[in-house]
Amino acid sequence: MAASKKDDLLSRVQLAAKLGAVNTTNHSRERMSERGVTAADVVLAISTATVAKEQQEEQTIRLEGGTDTDGESLTVVVAEHSRGLRLVTVM
């Protein structure tokens, strides 16, 4: 059975995170600080995400089902760009 488009999207995003291609924005750094989220938390949440939802209107990808380094649920929103991922926000 062939992988679905959503599985391909999740795999592609997870590979970019594994390769260290996650760039933060001012907004995402502010949200990380407010929520006590570290860069390691973001990478782990992306790596452990089980669902990637394409948000076409915002041109972003919402990654759900992942956990941070404390084992707590962490949702991450990213956008793809030519050099990897741009971290939009964390929830």
PDB file of N, CA and C in Angstrom:
ATOM      1  N   MET A   1       0.842  -1.177   0.000  1.00  0.00           N
ATOM      2  CA  MET A   1       0.000   0.000   0.000  1.00  0.00           C
ATOM      3  C   MET A   1       0.891   1.246   0.000  1.00  0.00           C
ATOM      4  N   ALA A   2       0.627   2.160  -0.880  1.00  0.00           N
ATOM      5  CA  ALA A   2       1.424   3.384  -0.989  1.00  0.00           C
ATOM      6  C   ALA A   2       1.135   4.324   0.172  1.00  0.00           C
ATOM      7  N   ALA A   3       2.148   5.080   0.564  1.00  0.00           N
ATOM      8  CA  ALA A   3       1.969   6.066   1.639  1.00  0.00           C
ATOM      9  C   ALA A   3       1.065   7.179   1.138  1.00  0.00           C
ATOM     10  N   SER A   4       0.246   7.700   2.041  1.00  0.00           N
ATOM     11  CA  SER A   4      -0.654   8.783   1.662  1.00  0.00           C
ATOM     12  C   SER A   4       0.108  10.102   1.581  1.00  0.00           C
ATOM     13  N   LYS A   5      -0.529  11.098   0.985  1.00  0.00           N
ATOM     14  CA  LYS A   5       0.068  12.428   0.868  1.00  0.00           C
ATOM     15  C   LYS A   5       0.366  12.999   2.257  1.00  0.00           C
ATOM     16  N   LYS A   6      -0.546  12.753   3.233  1.00  0.00           N
ATOM     17  CA  LYS A   6      -0.329  13.255   4.591  1.00  0.00           C
ATOM     18  C   LYS A   6       0.856  12.564   5.243  1.00  0.00           C
ATOM     19  N   ASP A   7       1.030  11.258   4.998  1.00  0.00           N
ATOM     20  CA  ASP A   7       2.185  10.538   5.537  1.00  0.00           C
ATOM     21  C   ASP A   7       3.477  11.086   4.942  1.00  0.00           C
ATOM     22  N   ASP A   8       3.454  11.379   3.642  1.00  0.00           N
ATOM     23  CA  ASP A   8       4.618  11.951   2.975  1.00  0.00           C
ATOM     24  C   ASP A   8       4.957  13.315   3.567  1.00  0.00           C
ATOM     25  N   LEU A   9       3.936  14.117   3.819  1.00  0.00           N
ATOM     26  CA  LEU A   9       4.127  15.447   4.403  1.00  0.00           C
ATOM     27  C   LEU A   9       4.755  15.321   5.785  1.00  0.00           C
ATOM     28  N   LEU A  10       4.218  14.447   6.617  1.00  0.00           N
ATOM     29  CA  LEU A  10       4.766  14.247   7.958  1.00  0.00           C
ATOM     30  C   LEU A  10       6.211  13.770   7.875  1.00  0.00           C
ATOM     31  N   SER A  11       6.483  12.819   7.014  1.00  0.00           N
ATOM     32  CA  SER A  11       7.851  12.296   6.865  1.00  0.00           C
ATOM     33  C   SER A  11       8.818  13.383   6.413  1.00  0.00           C
ATOM     34  N   ARG A  12       8.390  14.209   5.472  1.00  0.00           N
ATOM     35  CA  ARG A  12       9.242  15.282   4.950  1.00  0.00           C
ATOM     36  C   ARG A  12       9.571  16.299   6.040  1.00  0.00           C
ATOM     37  N   VAL A  13       8.571  16.675   6.817  1.00  0.00           N
ATOM     38  CA  VAL A  13       8.780  17.642   7.896  1.00  0.00           C
ATOM     39  C   VAL A  13       9.668  17.040   8.978  1.00  0.00           C
ATOM     40  N   GLN A  14       9.434  15.794   9.316  1.00  0.00           N
ATOM     41  CA  GLN A  14      10.250  15.140  10.341  1.00  0.00           C
ATOM     42  C   GLN A  14      11.697  15.002   9.902  1.00  0.00           C
ATOM     43  N   LEU A  15      11.932  14.733   8.633  1.00  0.00           N
ATOM     44  CA  LEU A  15      13.300  14.647   8.131  1.00  0.00           C
ATOM     45  C   LEU A  15      13.999  16.004   8.229  1.00  0.00           C
ATOM     46  N   ALA A  16      13.313  17.065   7.858  1.00  0.00           N
ATOM     47  CA  ALA A  16      13.905  18.408   7.945  1.00  0.00           C
ATOM     48  C   ALA A  16      14.290  18.722   9.387  1.00  0.00           C
ATOM     49  N   ALA A  17      13.420  18.381  10.334  1.00  0.00           N
ATOM     50  CA  ALA A  17      13.726  18.632  11.752  1.00  0.00           C
ATOM     51  C   ALA A  17      14.920  17.794  12.194  1.00  0.00           C
ATOM     52  N   LYS A  18      14.965  16.542  11.762  1.00  0.00           N
ATOM     53  CA  LYS A  18      16.081  15.659  12.121  1.00  0.00           C
ATOM     54  C   LYS A  18      17.409  16.213  11.606  1.00  0.00           C
ATOM     55  N   LEU A  19      17.367  16.858  10.450  1.00  0.00           N
ATOM     56  CA  LEU A  19      18.574  17.430   9.856  1.00  0.00           C
ATOM     57  C   LEU A  19      18.917  18.800  10.441  1.00  0.00           C
ATOM     58  N   GLY A  20      18.111  19.272  11.374  1.00  0.00           N
ATOM     59  CA  GLY A  20      18.388  20.551  12.031  1.00  0.00           C
ATOM     60  C   GLY A  20      17.970  21.762  11.229  1.00  0.00           C
ATOM     61  N   ALA A  21      17.067  21.578  10.287  1.00  0.00           N
ATOM     62  CA  ALA A  21      16.654  22.667   9.409  1.00  0.00           C
ATOM     63  C   ALA A  21      15.381  23.343   9.905  1.00  0.00           C
ATOM     64  N   VAL A  22      15.370  23.737  11.185  1.00  0.00           N
ATOM     65  CA  VAL A  22      14.215  24.440  11.757  1.00  0.00           C
ATOM     66  C   VAL A  22      14.672  25.839  12.159  1.00  0.00           C
ATOM     67  N   ASN A  23      14.148  26.836  11.470  1.00  0.00           N
ATOM     68  CA  ASN A  23      14.494  28.227  11.748  1.00  0.00           C
ATOM     69  C   ASN A  23      13.351  28.887  12.505  1.00  0.00           C
ATOM     70  N   THR A  24      13.685  29.636  13.532  1.00  0.00           N
ATOM     71  CA  THR A  24      12.657  30.295  14.334  1.00  0.00           C
ATOM     72  C   THR A  24      12.397  31.710  13.836  1.00  0.00           C
ATOM     73  N   THR A  25      11.235  32.196  14.188  1.00  0.00           N
ATOM     74  CA  THR A  25      10.858  33.586  13.909  1.00  0.00           C
ATOM     75  C   THR A  25      10.770  34.311  15.239  1.00  0.00           C
ATOM     76  N   ASN A  26      10.681  35.622  15.202  1.00  0.00           N
ATOM     77  CA  ASN A  26      10.501  36.373  16.444  1.00  0.00           C
ATOM     78  C   ASN A  26       9.256  35.900  17.183  1.00  0.00           C
ATOM     79  N   HIS A  27       8.174  35.735  16.439  1.00  0.00           N
ATOM     80  CA  HIS A  27       6.920  35.292  17.052  1.00  0.00           C
ATOM     81  C   HIS A  27       7.085  33.930  17.718  1.00  0.00           C
ATOM     82  N   SER A  28       7.713  32.981  17.013  1.00  0.00           N
ATOM     83  CA  SER A  28       7.855  31.642  17.595  1.00  0.00           C
ATOM     84  C   SER A  28       8.766  31.656  18.819  1.00  0.00           C
ATOM     85  N   ARG A  29       9.810  32.477  18.800  1.00  0.00           N
ATOM     86  CA  ARG A  29      10.684  32.574  19.987  1.00  0.00           C
ATOM     87  C   ARG A  29       9.921  33.157  21.171  1.00  0.00           C
ATOM     88  N   GLU A  30       9.057  34.128  20.909  1.00  0.00           N
ATOM     89  CA  GLU A  30       8.239  34.708  21.985  1.00  0.00           C
ATOM     90  C   GLU A  30       7.295  33.663  22.556  1.00  0.00           C
ATOM     91  N   ARG A  31       6.628  32.886  21.683  1.00  0.00           N
ATOM     92  CA  ARG A  31       5.700  31.853  22.161  1.00  0.00           C
ATOM     93  C   ARG A  31       6.460  30.767  22.926  1.00  0.00           C
ATOM     94  N   MET A  32       7.645  30.406  22.445  1.00  0.00           N
ATOM     95  CA  MET A  32       8.446  29.403  23.140  1.00  0.00           C
ATOM     96  C   MET A  32       8.799  29.897  24.537  1.00  0.00           C
ATOM     97  N   SER A  33       9.229  31.138  24.648  1.00  0.00           N
ATOM     98  CA  SER A  33       9.591  31.713  25.934  1.00  0.00           C
ATOM     99  C   SER A  33       8.391  31.747  26.877  1.00  0.00           C
ATOM    100  N   GLU A  34       7.263  32.202  26.374  1.00  0.00           N
ATOM    101  CA  GLU A  34       6.043  32.276  27.194  1.00  0.00           C
ATOM    102  C   GLU A  34       5.615  30.915  27.712  1.00  0.00           C
ATOM    103  N   ARG A  35       5.839  29.891  26.912  1.00  0.00           N
ATOM    104  CA  ARG A  35       5.332  28.559  27.239  1.00  0.00           C
ATOM    105  C   ARG A  35       6.404  27.625  27.798  1.00  0.00           C
ATOM    106  N   GLY A  36       7.624  28.146  27.976  1.00  0.00           N
ATOM    107  CA  GLY A  36       8.699  27.330  28.535  1.00  0.00           C
ATOM    108  C   GLY A  36       9.127  26.201  27.619  1.00  0.00           C
ATOM    109  N   VAL A  37       9.082  26.450  26.317  1.00  0.00           N
ATOM    110  CA  VAL A  37       9.426  25.441  25.315  1.00  0.00           C
ATOM    111  C   VAL A  37      10.844  25.695  24.820  1.00  0.00           C
ATOM    112  N   THR A  38      11.644  24.640  24.765  1.00  0.00           N
ATOM    113  CA  THR A  38      13.023  24.743  24.281  1.00  0.00           C
ATOM    114  C   THR A  38      13.109  24.259  22.832  1.00  0.00           C
ATOM    115  N   ALA A  39      14.253  24.511  22.209  1.00  0.00           N
ATOM    116  CA  ALA A  39      14.490  24.010  20.850  1.00  0.00           C
ATOM    117  C   ALA A  39      14.418  22.483  20.831  1.00  0.00           C
ATOM    118  N   ALA A  40      14.940  21.839  21.869  1.00  0.00           N
ATOM    119  CA  ALA A  40      14.882  20.378  21.953  1.00  0.00           C
ATOM    120  C   ALA A  40      13.433  19.894  22.030  1.00  0.00           C
ATOM    121  N   ASP A  41      12.589  20.641  22.744  1.00  0.00           N
ATOM    122  CA  ASP A  41      11.162  20.302  22.814  1.00  0.00           C
ATOM    123  C   ASP A  41      10.527  20.351  21.425  1.00  0.00           C
ATOM    124  N   VAL A  42      10.863  21.380  20.661  1.00  0.00           N
ATOM    125  CA  VAL A  42      10.299  21.550  19.317  1.00  0.00           C
ATOM    126  C   VAL A  42      10.701  20.389  18.418  1.00  0.00           C
ATOM    127  N   VAL A  43      11.983  20.057  18.411  1.00  0.00           N
ATOM    128  CA  VAL A  43      12.468  18.973  17.557  1.00  0.00           C
ATOM    129  C   VAL A  43      11.825  17.650  17.957  1.00  0.00           C
ATOM    130  N   LEU A  44      11.720  17.400  19.250  1.00  0.00           N
ATOM    131  CA  LEU A  44      11.102  16.151  19.704  1.00  0.00           C
ATOM    132  C   LEU A  44       9.618  16.124  19.357  1.00  0.00           C
ATOM    133  N   ALA A  45       8.931  17.231  19.514  1.00  0.00           N
ATOM    134  CA  ALA A  45       7.503  17.285  19.179  1.00  0.00           C
ATOM    135  C   ALA A  45       7.275  17.014  17.693  1.00  0.00           C
ATOM    136  N   ILE A  46       8.152  17.550  16.860  1.00  0.00           N
ATOM    137  CA  ILE A  46       8.047  17.277  15.419  1.00  0.00           C
ATOM    138  C   ILE A  46       8.348  15.802  15.141  1.00  0.00           C
ATOM    139  N   SER A  47       9.384  15.290  15.775  1.00  0.00           N
ATOM    140  CA  SER A  47       9.803  13.893  15.560  1.00  0.00           C
ATOM    141  C   SER A  47       8.754  12.890  16.006  1.00  0.00           C
ATOM    142  N   THR A  48       8.003  13.232  17.049  1.00  0.00           N
ATOM    143  CA  THR A  48       7.013  12.304  17.597  1.00  0.00           C
ATOM    144  C   THR A  48       5.592  12.594  17.126  1.00  0.00           C
ATOM    145  N   ALA A  49       5.413  13.633  16.321  1.00  0.00           N
ATOM    146  CA  ALA A  49       4.077  13.975  15.820  1.00  0.00           C
ATOM    147  C   ALA A  49       3.491  12.795  15.056  1.00  0.00           C
ATOM    148  N   THR A  50       2.198  12.636  15.173  1.00  0.00           N
ATOM    149  CA  THR A  50       1.518  11.546  14.487  1.00  0.00           C
ATOM    150  C   THR A  50       0.641  12.042  13.343  1.00  0.00           C
ATOM    151  N   VAL A  51       0.382  13.354  13.330  1.00  0.00           N
ATOM    152  CA  VAL A  51      -0.504  13.933  12.319  1.00  0.00           C
ATOM    153  C   VAL A  51       0.094  15.239  11.801  1.00  0.00           C
ATOM    154  N   ALA A  52       0.086  15.392  10.482  1.00  0.00           N
ATOM    155  CA  ALA A  52       0.479  16.651   9.854  1.00  0.00           C
ATOM    156  C   ALA A  52      -0.728  17.165   9.081  1.00  0.00           C
ATOM    157  N   LYS A  53      -1.219  18.334   9.481  1.00  0.00           N
ATOM    158  CA  LYS A  53      -2.389  18.930   8.824  1.00  0.00           C
ATOM    159  C   LYS A  53      -1.957  20.152   8.037  1.00  0.00           C
ATOM    160  N   GLU A  54      -2.162  20.078   6.726  1.00  0.00           N
ATOM    161  CA  GLU A  54      -1.833  21.214   5.877  1.00  0.00           C
ATOM    162  C   GLU A  54      -2.905  22.286   6.061  1.00  0.00           C
ATOM    163  N   GLN A  55      -2.462  23.486   6.387  1.00  0.00           N
ATOM    164  CA  GLN A  55      -3.366  24.626   6.559  1.00  0.00           C
ATOM    165  C   GLN A  55      -3.138  25.537   5.358  1.00  0.00           C
ATOM    166  N   GLN A  56      -3.864  25.277   4.290  1.00  0.00           N
ATOM    167  CA  GLN A  56      -3.605  25.923   3.008  1.00  0.00           C
ATOM    168  C   GLN A  56      -3.746  27.429   3.058  1.00  0.00           C
ATOM    169  N   GLU A  57      -4.744  27.921   3.767  1.00  0.00           N
ATOM    170  CA  GLU A  57      -4.950  29.371   3.805  1.00  0.00           C
ATOM    171  C   GLU A  57      -3.750  30.101   4.398  1.00  0.00           C
ATOM    172  N   GLU A  58      -3.162  29.534   5.451  1.00  0.00           N
ATOM    173  CA  GLU A  58      -2.006  30.145   6.111  1.00  0.00           C
ATOM    174  C   GLU A  58      -0.686  29.678   5.507  1.00  0.00           C
ATOM    175  N   GLN A  59      -0.761  28.674   4.629  1.00  0.00           N
ATOM    176  CA  GLN A  59       0.423  28.053   4.036  1.00  0.00           C
ATOM    177  C   GLN A  59       1.357  27.504   5.110  1.00  0.00           C
ATOM    178  N   THR A  60       0.747  26.822   6.081  1.00  0.00           N
ATOM    179  CA  THR A  60       1.508  26.233   7.176  1.00  0.00           C
ATOM    180  C   THR A  60       1.118  24.770   7.346  1.00  0.00           C
ATOM    181  N   ILE A  61       1.868  24.097   8.203  1.00  0.00           N
ATOM    182  CA  ILE A  61       1.610  22.702   8.539  1.00  0.00           C
ATOM    183  C   ILE A  61       1.512  22.609  10.055  1.00  0.00           C
ATOM    184  N   ARG A  62       0.397  22.098  10.531  1.00  0.00           N
ATOM    185  CA  ARG A  62       0.171  21.916  11.972  1.00  0.00           C
ATOM    186  C   ARG A  62       0.502  20.468  12.312  1.00  0.00           C
ATOM    187  N   LEU A  63       1.442  20.289  13.227  1.00  0.00           N
ATOM    188  CA  LEU A  63       1.878  18.957  13.635  1.00  0.00           C
ATOM    189  C   LEU A  63       1.313  18.654  15.012  1.00  0.00           C
ATOM    190  N   GLU A  64       0.505  17.608  15.060  1.00  0.00           N
ATOM    191  CA  GLU A  64      -0.172  17.234  16.305  1.00  0.00           C
ATOM    192  C   GLU A  64       0.239  15.839  16.741  1.00  0.00           C
ATOM    193  N   GLY A  65       0.016  15.551  18.022  1.00  0.00           N
ATOM    194  CA  GLY A  65       0.290  14.221  18.547  1.00  0.00           C
ATOM    195  C   GLY A  65       1.705  14.038  19.067  1.00  0.00           C
ATOM    196  N   GLY A  66       2.524  15.089  18.981  1.00  0.00           N
ATOM    197  CA  GLY A  66       3.898  15.002  19.465  1.00  0.00           C
ATOM    198  C   GLY A  66       4.010  15.388  20.931  1.00  0.00           C
ATOM    199  N   THR A  67       5.150  15.057  21.504  1.00  0.00           N
ATOM    200  CA  THR A  67       5.400  15.385  22.907  1.00  0.00           C
ATOM    201  C   THR A  67       6.731  16.113  23.053  1.00  0.00           C
ATOM    202  N   ASP A  68       6.833  16.872  24.149  1.00  0.00           N
ATOM    203  CA  ASP A  68       8.086  17.569  24.447  1.00  0.00           C
ATOM    204  C   ASP A  68       8.988  16.668  25.275  1.00  0.00           C
ATOM    205  N   THR A  69      10.097  17.193  25.737  1.00  0.00           N
ATOM    206  CA  THR A  69      11.075  16.381  26.483  1.00  0.00           C
ATOM    207  C   THR A  69      10.573  15.941  27.849  1.00  0.00           C
ATOM    208  N   ASP A  70       9.476  16.545  28.315  1.00  0.00           N
ATOM    209  CA  ASP A  70       8.859  16.132  29.580  1.00  0.00           C
ATOM    210  C   ASP A  70       7.721  15.150  29.356  1.00  0.00           C
ATOM    211  N   GLY A  71       7.483  14.793  28.099  1.00  0.00           N
ATOM    212  CA  GLY A  71       6.406  13.867  27.775  1.00  0.00           C
ATOM    213  C   GLY A  71       5.044  14.528  27.662  1.00  0.00           C
ATOM    214  N   GLU A  72       5.025  15.855  27.693  1.00  0.00           N
ATOM    215  CA  GLU A  72       3.756  16.582  27.587  1.00  0.00           C
ATOM    216  C   GLU A  72       3.440  16.873  26.124  1.00  0.00           C
ATOM    217  N   SER A  73       2.157  16.934  25.821  1.00  0.00           N
ATOM    218  CA  SER A  73       1.701  17.202  24.461  1.00  0.00           C
ATOM    219  C   SER A  73       2.177  18.577  23.988  1.00  0.00           C
ATOM    220  N   LEU A  74       2.670  18.643  22.759  1.00  0.00           N
ATOM    221  CA  LEU A  74       3.111  19.910  22.187  1.00  0.00           C
ATOM    222  C   LEU A  74       2.752  19.922  20.707  1.00  0.00           C
ATOM    223  N   THR A  75       1.938  20.895  20.319  1.00  0.00           N
ATOM    224  CA  THR A  75       1.566  21.094  18.921  1.00  0.00           C
ATOM    225  C   THR A  75       2.482  22.159  18.344  1.00  0.00           C
ATOM    226  N   VAL A  76       2.979  21.902  17.146  1.00  0.00           N
ATOM    227  CA  VAL A  76       3.928  22.787  16.494  1.00  0.00           C
ATOM    228  C   VAL A  76       3.372  23.161  15.120  1.00  0.00           C
ATOM    229  N   VAL A  77       3.503  24.438  14.760  1.00  0.00           N
ATOM    230  CA  VAL A  77       3.092  24.893  13.434  1.00  0.00           C
ATOM    231  C   VAL A  77       4.341  25.395  12.708  1.00  0.00           C
ATOM    232  N   VAL A  78       4.555  24.865  11.505  1.00  0.00           N
ATOM    233  CA  VAL A  78       5.717  25.231  10.705  1.00  0.00           C
ATOM    234  C   VAL A  78       5.279  25.602   9.291  1.00  0.00           C
ATOM    235  N   ALA A  79       6.189  26.236   8.585  1.00  0.00           N
ATOM    236  CA  ALA A  79       6.013  26.495   7.157  1.00  0.00           C
ATOM    237  C   ALA A  79       7.263  25.977   6.458  1.00  0.00           C
ATOM    238  N   GLU A  80       7.085  25.375   5.313  1.00  0.00           N
ATOM    239  CA  GLU A  80       8.237  24.900   4.544  1.00  0.00           C
ATOM    240  C   GLU A  80       8.800  26.051   3.719  1.00  0.00           C
ATOM    241  N   HIS A  81      10.111  26.090   3.623  1.00  0.00           N
ATOM    242  CA  HIS A  81      10.769  27.040   2.737  1.00  0.00           C
ATOM    243  C   HIS A  81      12.007  26.373   2.161  1.00  0.00           C
ATOM    244  N   SER A  82      12.695  27.051   1.308  1.00  0.00           N
ATOM    245  CA  SER A  82      13.793  26.428   0.552  1.00  0.00           C
ATOM    246  C   SER A  82      14.912  25.859   1.421  1.00  0.00           C
ATOM    247  N   ARG A  83      15.084  26.380   2.630  1.00  0.00           N
ATOM    248  CA  ARG A  83      16.170  25.891   3.500  1.00  0.00           C
ATOM    249  C   ARG A  83      15.655  25.053   4.659  1.00  0.00           C
ATOM    250  N   GLY A  84      14.458  24.504   4.540  1.00  0.00           N
ATOM    251  CA  GLY A  84      13.936  23.659   5.595  1.00  0.00           C
ATOM    252  C   GLY A  84      12.600  24.130   6.109  1.00  0.00           C
ATOM    253  N   LEU A  85      12.523  24.309   7.433  1.00  0.00           N
ATOM    254  CA  LEU A  85      11.269  24.685   8.072  1.00  0.00           C
ATOM    255  C   LEU A  85      11.411  26.018   8.784  1.00  0.00           C
ATOM    256  N   ARG A  86      10.327  26.777   8.777  1.00  0.00           N
ATOM    257  CA  ARG A  86      10.248  28.001   9.573  1.00  0.00           C
ATOM    258  C   ARG A  86       9.228  27.717  10.664  1.00  0.00           C
ATOM    259  N   LEU A  87       9.672  27.802  11.910  1.00  0.00           N
ATOM    260  CA  LEU A  87       8.781  27.574  13.038  1.00  0.00           C
ATOM    261  C   LEU A  87       7.864  28.783  13.180  1.00  0.00           C
ATOM    262  N   VAL A  88       6.560  28.555  13.100  1.00  0.00           N
ATOM    263  CA  VAL A  88       5.582  29.640  13.186  1.00  0.00           C
ATOM    264  C   VAL A  88       5.154  29.859  14.635  1.00  0.00           C
ATOM    265  N   THR A  89       4.751  28.770  15.308  1.00  0.00           N
ATOM    266  CA  THR A  89       4.334  28.884  16.703  1.00  0.00           C
ATOM    267  C   THR A  89       4.315  27.511  17.353  1.00  0.00           C
ATOM    268  N   VAL A  90       4.172  27.511  18.664  1.00  0.00           N
ATOM    269  CA  VAL A  90       4.044  26.291  19.455  1.00  0.00           C
ATOM    270  C   VAL A  90       2.847  26.445  20.381  1.00  0.00           C
ATOM    271  N   MET A  91       2.159  25.334  20.649  1.00  0.00           N
ATOM    272  CA  MET A  91       0.980  25.360  21.519  1.00  0.00           C
ATOM    273  C   MET A  91       0.976  24.163  22.449  1.00  0.00           C
TER     274      MET A  91
END
